[in-house]
Protein backbone atom coordinates (compact mmCIF):
# COMPACT_ATOMS: atom_id res chain seq x y z
CA MET A 1 160.09 -30.48 36.14
CA GLU A 2 156.42 -31.17 36.00
CA GLY A 3 155.84 -29.03 39.09
CA GLY A 4 157.33 -26.00 37.32
CA ASP A 5 155.17 -26.54 34.27
CA GLU A 6 152.03 -26.52 36.37
CA GLY A 7 152.92 -23.10 37.78
CA VAL A 8 153.31 -21.66 34.30
CA GLU A 9 149.99 -23.10 33.22
CA MET A 10 148.29 -21.60 36.26
CA VAL A 11 149.67 -18.14 35.39
CA VAL A 12 148.41 -18.50 31.82
CA ASP A 13 145.11 -19.82 33.08
CA SER A 14 144.68 -16.88 35.47
CA LYS A 15 145.38 -14.39 32.64
CA ASP A 16 142.89 -16.23 30.45
CA MET A 17 140.39 -16.19 33.28
CA GLN A 18 140.82 -12.43 33.71
CA GLN A 19 140.27 -11.86 29.99
CA GLN A 20 137.24 -14.11 29.99
CA SER A 21 135.89 -12.34 33.05
CA LYS A 22 136.28 -8.94 31.37
CA ALA A 23 134.62 -10.22 28.20
CA PHE A 24 131.76 -11.65 30.24
CA ASP A 25 131.32 -8.36 32.09
CA LYS A 26 131.05 -6.53 28.77
CA LEU A 27 128.39 -8.98 27.59
CA THR A 28 126.31 -8.65 30.72
CA ASP A 29 126.56 -4.85 30.62
CA ARG A 30 125.00 -4.82 27.14
CA VAL A 31 122.20 -7.12 28.22
CA GLU A 32 121.36 -4.84 31.12
CA ASP A 33 121.14 -1.89 28.72
CA ARG A 34 118.64 -3.76 26.54
CA GLN A 35 115.87 -4.28 29.04
CA LEU A 36 112.43 -4.39 27.49
CA ASP A 37 110.29 -1.32 27.77
CA SER A 38 106.87 -2.50 28.92
CA THR A 39 105.15 0.44 27.23
CA ARG A 40 106.56 -0.55 23.84
CA VAL A 41 105.47 -4.14 24.38
CA GLN A 42 101.95 -3.04 25.29
CA GLU A 43 101.78 -0.76 22.25
CA ALA A 44 102.89 -3.60 19.98
CA MET A 45 100.30 -5.96 21.47
CA ALA A 46 97.57 -3.31 21.06
CA SER A 47 98.61 -2.81 17.44
CA ILE A 48 98.38 -6.55 16.76
CA ALA A 49 94.95 -6.73 18.40
CA ALA A 50 93.71 -3.73 16.40
CA SER A 51 94.97 -5.28 13.18
CA ALA A 52 93.25 -8.58 13.93
CA GLU A 53 90.00 -6.78 14.75
CA ALA A 54 90.20 -4.77 11.52
CA ASP A 55 90.72 -7.98 9.53
CA TRP A 56 87.72 -9.55 11.27
CA ASN A 57 85.54 -6.51 10.47
CA VAL A 58 86.56 -6.59 6.81
CA MET A 59 85.69 -10.29 6.62
CA ARG A 60 82.28 -9.67 8.24
CA MET A 61 81.53 -6.85 5.80
CA ARG A 62 82.47 -9.08 2.86
CA GLU A 63 80.18 -11.85 4.12
CA LYS A 64 77.32 -9.34 4.45
CA GLU A 65 77.91 -8.14 0.88
CA LEU A 66 77.88 -11.69 -0.45
CA ALA A 67 74.74 -12.56 1.50
CA ALA A 68 72.96 -9.59 -0.10
CA VAL A 69 73.63 -10.84 -3.64
CA LYS A 70 70.50 -12.35 -5.16
CA ILE A 71 71.09 -15.71 -6.79
CA ASN A 72 68.91 -18.23 -8.54
CA PRO A 73 68.78 -21.53 -6.58
CA ALA A 74 68.29 -23.40 -9.86
CA GLU A 75 71.63 -22.06 -11.10
CA VAL A 76 73.30 -23.25 -7.89
CA ASP A 77 71.89 -26.73 -8.48
CA ILE A 78 72.99 -26.77 -12.12
CA ILE A 79 76.54 -25.61 -11.30
CA ALA A 80 76.83 -28.08 -8.42
CA ASN A 81 75.52 -31.02 -10.46
CA GLU A 82 77.34 -30.33 -13.72
CA LEU A 83 80.70 -29.53 -12.14
CA GLU A 84 80.27 -32.12 -9.38
CA LEU A 85 80.74 -29.59 -6.60
CA ASP A 86 79.31 -29.13 -3.16
CA LYS A 87 76.29 -26.80 -3.29
CA LYS A 88 77.95 -24.47 -0.77
CA VAL A 89 80.95 -24.03 -3.08
CA ALA A 90 78.69 -23.44 -6.08
CA GLU A 91 76.58 -20.91 -4.15
CA ARG A 92 79.61 -19.05 -2.79
CA THR A 93 81.20 -18.82 -6.24
CA LEU A 94 77.94 -17.61 -7.75
CA ARG A 95 77.61 -14.94 -5.04
CA GLU A 96 81.23 -13.85 -5.54
CA HIS A 97 80.40 -13.29 -9.22
CA LYS A 98 77.29 -11.26 -8.37
CA GLY A 99 74.89 -13.94 -9.57
CA ASP A 100 76.47 -14.23 -13.03
CA ALA A 101 76.36 -17.98 -13.67
CA VAL A 102 78.57 -17.84 -16.77
CA ALA A 103 81.32 -15.93 -14.94
CA ALA A 104 81.07 -18.32 -11.97
CA ILE A 105 81.39 -21.37 -14.21
CA ARG A 106 84.35 -19.85 -16.08
CA HIS A 107 86.03 -19.17 -12.76
CA LEU A 108 85.45 -22.72 -11.55
CA LEU A 109 86.77 -24.23 -14.80
CA ARG A 110 90.05 -22.36 -14.62
């Protein structure tokens, strides 16, 4: 009787195989339809590069603006010593507050 059972299983297996084969064909057909368009990829990469360059230019402009702010070196020393900060941090904060020592200190104490 075992021999007869194997034949039935093979028929079921072949039907399952056909269904799986059809399902697989459908999957691969969709993948073929979704091939990447190289033009779109290049446009996306160019957009990313342009965005990064724009960010870099904004940062450079900001640094130029801060460098143009006149500050009193004595105020930098006082802020750095009294608040126990690095002089670079004190100077940067003072420049960001347009040389206003009181505003810089208030910002640092927050």
